Amino acid sequence: MKKVLLAFAILGFVACNNEGEKTEATDTTTVAPADTTAPAPVDTTAAPVDTTAAPAADTTKK
C-alpha cells in the first residue's frame, strides 16, 4: 500500500510540475494599426434642457 501511495505522490508531483506557464512567441516588429474611426456627430436637433426650472413635485402617497 505504501508503494501505491508513493507512486501517486510522484505522479502528482510530475503532473503538476509539467503544467508550467506557456507563452506564445509573438512578432514584436509589427505596429498596431491607427484608429481611423470618426467620432459620432453631435445631435443638434434635440431641444436644449432647461436646468433653471423647479423640479416636479413628488406625487407618490406615503
N, C-alpha and C. Protein backbone atom coordinates (compact mmCIF):
# COMPACT_ATOMS: atom_id res chain seq x y z
N MET A 1 0.83 -1.20 0.00
CA MET A 1 0.00 0.00 0.00
C MET A 1 0.87 1.26 0.00
N LYS A 2 2.00 1.20 0.71
CA LYS A 2 2.89 2.36 0.76
C LYS A 2 3.48 2.65 -0.62
N LYS A 3 3.71 1.60 -1.40
CA LYS A 3 4.27 1.79 -2.74
C LYS A 3 3.26 2.49 -3.65
N VAL A 4 1.98 2.16 -3.48
CA VAL A 4 0.93 2.79 -4.29
C VAL A 4 0.83 4.28 -3.95
N LEU A 5 0.86 4.60 -2.66
CA LEU A 5 0.79 6.00 -2.24
C LEU A 5 2.02 6.76 -2.73
N LEU A 6 3.18 6.14 -2.68
CA LEU A 6 4.39 6.78 -3.17
C LEU A 6 4.30 7.02 -4.67
N ALA A 7 3.75 6.05 -5.40
CA ALA A 7 3.61 6.21 -6.85
C ALA A 7 2.65 7.35 -7.18
N PHE A 8 1.52 7.45 -6.44
CA PHE A 8 0.57 8.54 -6.66
C PHE A 8 1.21 9.89 -6.34
N ALA A 9 2.00 9.95 -5.29
CA ALA A 9 2.66 11.20 -4.91
C ALA A 9 3.65 11.62 -5.99
N ILE A 10 4.42 10.68 -6.52
CA ILE A 10 5.38 11.01 -7.57
C ILE A 10 4.67 11.44 -8.84
N LEU A 11 3.62 10.70 -9.23
CA LEU A 11 2.87 11.06 -10.43
C LEU A 11 2.20 12.43 -10.28
N GLY A 12 1.68 12.71 -9.10
CA GLY A 12 1.05 14.01 -8.87
C GLY A 12 2.06 15.14 -8.95
N PHE A 13 3.25 14.92 -8.40
CA PHE A 13 4.30 15.93 -8.45
C PHE A 13 4.74 16.18 -9.89
N VAL A 14 4.91 15.11 -10.65
CA VAL A 14 5.34 15.23 -12.04
C VAL A 14 4.26 15.92 -12.87
N ALA A 15 3.01 15.57 -12.64
CA ALA A 15 1.91 16.16 -13.41
C ALA A 15 1.79 17.65 -13.12
N CYS A 16 1.93 18.05 -11.86
CA CYS A 16 1.83 19.46 -11.51
C CYS A 16 3.05 20.24 -11.98
N ASN A 17 4.19 19.58 -12.01
CA ASN A 17 5.41 20.25 -12.41
C ASN A 17 5.44 20.50 -13.92
N ASN A 18 4.78 19.67 -14.70
CA ASN A 18 4.77 19.82 -16.15
C ASN A 18 3.78 20.88 -16.62
N GLU A 19 2.97 21.43 -15.74
CA GLU A 19 1.94 22.39 -16.14
C GLU A 19 2.49 23.81 -16.04
N GLY A 20 3.69 24.03 -16.52
CA GLY A 20 4.32 25.35 -16.47
C GLY A 20 3.59 26.33 -17.35
N GLU A 21 3.88 27.61 -17.12
CA GLU A 21 3.25 28.68 -17.91
C GLU A 21 3.85 28.69 -19.30
N LYS A 22 2.98 28.56 -20.29
CA LYS A 22 3.44 28.55 -21.67
C LYS A 22 3.00 29.85 -22.34
N THR A 23 3.95 30.55 -22.97
CA THR A 23 3.62 31.78 -23.69
C THR A 23 3.95 31.58 -25.15
N GLU A 24 3.12 32.13 -26.00
CA GLU A 24 3.35 32.03 -27.42
C GLU A 24 4.36 33.09 -27.85
N ALA A 25 5.16 32.75 -28.82
CA ALA A 25 6.11 33.72 -29.37
C ALA A 25 5.33 34.70 -30.24
N THR A 26 5.53 35.98 -30.00
CA THR A 26 4.82 37.00 -30.78
C THR A 26 5.82 37.82 -31.57
N ASP A 27 5.35 38.37 -32.67
CA ASP A 27 6.19 39.21 -33.52
C ASP A 27 6.20 40.61 -32.93
N THR A 28 7.35 41.07 -32.47
CA THR A 28 7.43 42.38 -31.82
C THR A 28 7.72 43.49 -32.81
N THR A 29 7.87 43.17 -34.09
CA THR A 29 8.17 44.20 -35.07
C THR A 29 6.91 44.80 -35.69
N THR A 30 5.75 44.23 -35.43
CA THR A 30 4.51 44.75 -36.01
C THR A 30 4.07 45.99 -35.23
N VAL A 31 3.44 46.90 -35.93
CA VAL A 31 2.94 48.14 -35.35
C VAL A 31 1.42 48.06 -35.29
N ALA A 32 0.85 48.48 -34.18
CA ALA A 32 -0.60 48.45 -34.03
C ALA A 32 -1.23 49.43 -35.02
N PRO A 33 -2.34 49.04 -35.66
CA PRO A 33 -2.99 49.94 -36.62
C PRO A 33 -3.58 51.16 -35.91
N ALA A 34 -3.55 52.29 -36.58
CA ALA A 34 -4.09 53.53 -36.01
C ALA A 34 -5.62 53.49 -36.07
N ASP A 35 -6.26 54.11 -35.10
CA ASP A 35 -7.72 54.18 -35.05
C ASP A 35 -8.19 55.25 -36.02
N THR A 36 -8.89 54.82 -37.09
CA THR A 36 -9.32 55.76 -38.11
C THR A 36 -10.81 56.02 -38.06
N THR A 37 -11.49 55.57 -37.01
CA THR A 37 -12.93 55.80 -36.92
C THR A 37 -13.20 57.24 -36.52
N ALA A 38 -14.21 57.83 -37.13
CA ALA A 38 -14.58 59.21 -36.84
C ALA A 38 -15.46 59.25 -35.60
N PRO A 39 -15.37 60.30 -34.80
CA PRO A 39 -16.25 60.40 -33.64
C PRO A 39 -17.70 60.60 -34.07
N ALA A 40 -18.62 60.19 -33.23
CA ALA A 40 -20.05 60.32 -33.54
C ALA A 40 -20.42 61.79 -33.62
N PRO A 41 -21.26 62.18 -34.60
CA PRO A 41 -21.66 63.58 -34.71
C PRO A 41 -22.59 63.98 -33.55
N VAL A 42 -22.54 65.25 -33.20
CA VAL A 42 -23.37 65.76 -32.12
C VAL A 42 -24.78 65.99 -32.65
N ASP A 43 -25.79 65.60 -31.86
CA ASP A 43 -27.19 65.78 -32.25
C ASP A 43 -27.58 67.23 -32.02
N THR A 44 -27.76 67.97 -33.11
CA THR A 44 -28.14 69.39 -33.00
C THR A 44 -29.64 69.60 -33.11
N THR A 45 -30.42 68.52 -33.29
CA THR A 45 -31.87 68.67 -33.44
C THR A 45 -32.58 68.57 -32.10
N ALA A 46 -31.93 68.14 -31.05
CA ALA A 46 -32.57 67.99 -29.75
C ALA A 46 -32.77 69.36 -29.11
N ALA A 47 -33.90 69.51 -28.41
CA ALA A 47 -34.19 70.76 -27.73
C ALA A 47 -33.28 70.89 -26.52
N PRO A 48 -32.84 72.12 -26.22
CA PRO A 48 -31.98 72.29 -25.04
C PRO A 48 -32.76 72.00 -23.76
N VAL A 49 -32.09 71.49 -22.75
CA VAL A 49 -32.72 71.14 -21.48
C VAL A 49 -32.72 72.38 -20.59
N ASP A 50 -33.88 72.67 -19.98
CA ASP A 50 -33.99 73.82 -19.08
C ASP A 50 -33.54 73.40 -17.69
N THR A 51 -32.39 73.87 -17.28
CA THR A 51 -31.85 73.49 -15.97
C THR A 51 -32.26 74.46 -14.88
N THR A 52 -32.97 75.53 -15.21
CA THR A 52 -33.37 76.51 -14.21
C THR A 52 -34.77 76.23 -13.67
N ALA A 53 -35.51 75.30 -14.28
CA ALA A 53 -36.87 75.01 -13.85
C ALA A 53 -36.86 74.27 -12.52
N ALA A 54 -37.91 74.47 -11.72
CA ALA A 54 -38.05 73.79 -10.44
C ALA A 54 -38.37 72.32 -10.68
N PRO A 55 -37.89 71.43 -9.84
CA PRO A 55 -38.18 70.01 -10.03
C PRO A 55 -39.67 69.73 -9.80
N ALA A 56 -40.18 68.70 -10.45
CA ALA A 56 -41.59 68.34 -10.33
C ALA A 56 -41.87 67.88 -8.90
N ALA A 57 -43.10 68.13 -8.43
CA ALA A 57 -43.49 67.76 -7.07
C ALA A 57 -43.64 66.24 -7.00
N ASP A 58 -43.35 65.67 -5.83
CA ASP A 58 -43.48 64.23 -5.62
C ASP A 58 -44.94 63.93 -5.36
N THR A 59 -45.55 63.14 -6.24
CA THR A 59 -46.98 62.83 -6.12
C THR A 59 -47.25 61.46 -5.54
N THR A 60 -46.22 60.75 -5.09
CA THR A 60 -46.43 59.42 -4.51
C THR A 60 -46.98 59.55 -3.10
N LYS A 61 -47.90 58.68 -2.75
CA LYS A 61 -48.51 58.72 -1.41
C LYS A 61 -47.57 58.03 -0.42
N LYS A 62 -47.52 58.59 0.78
CA LYS A 62 -46.67 57.99 1.80
C LYS A 62 -47.51 57.45 2.93
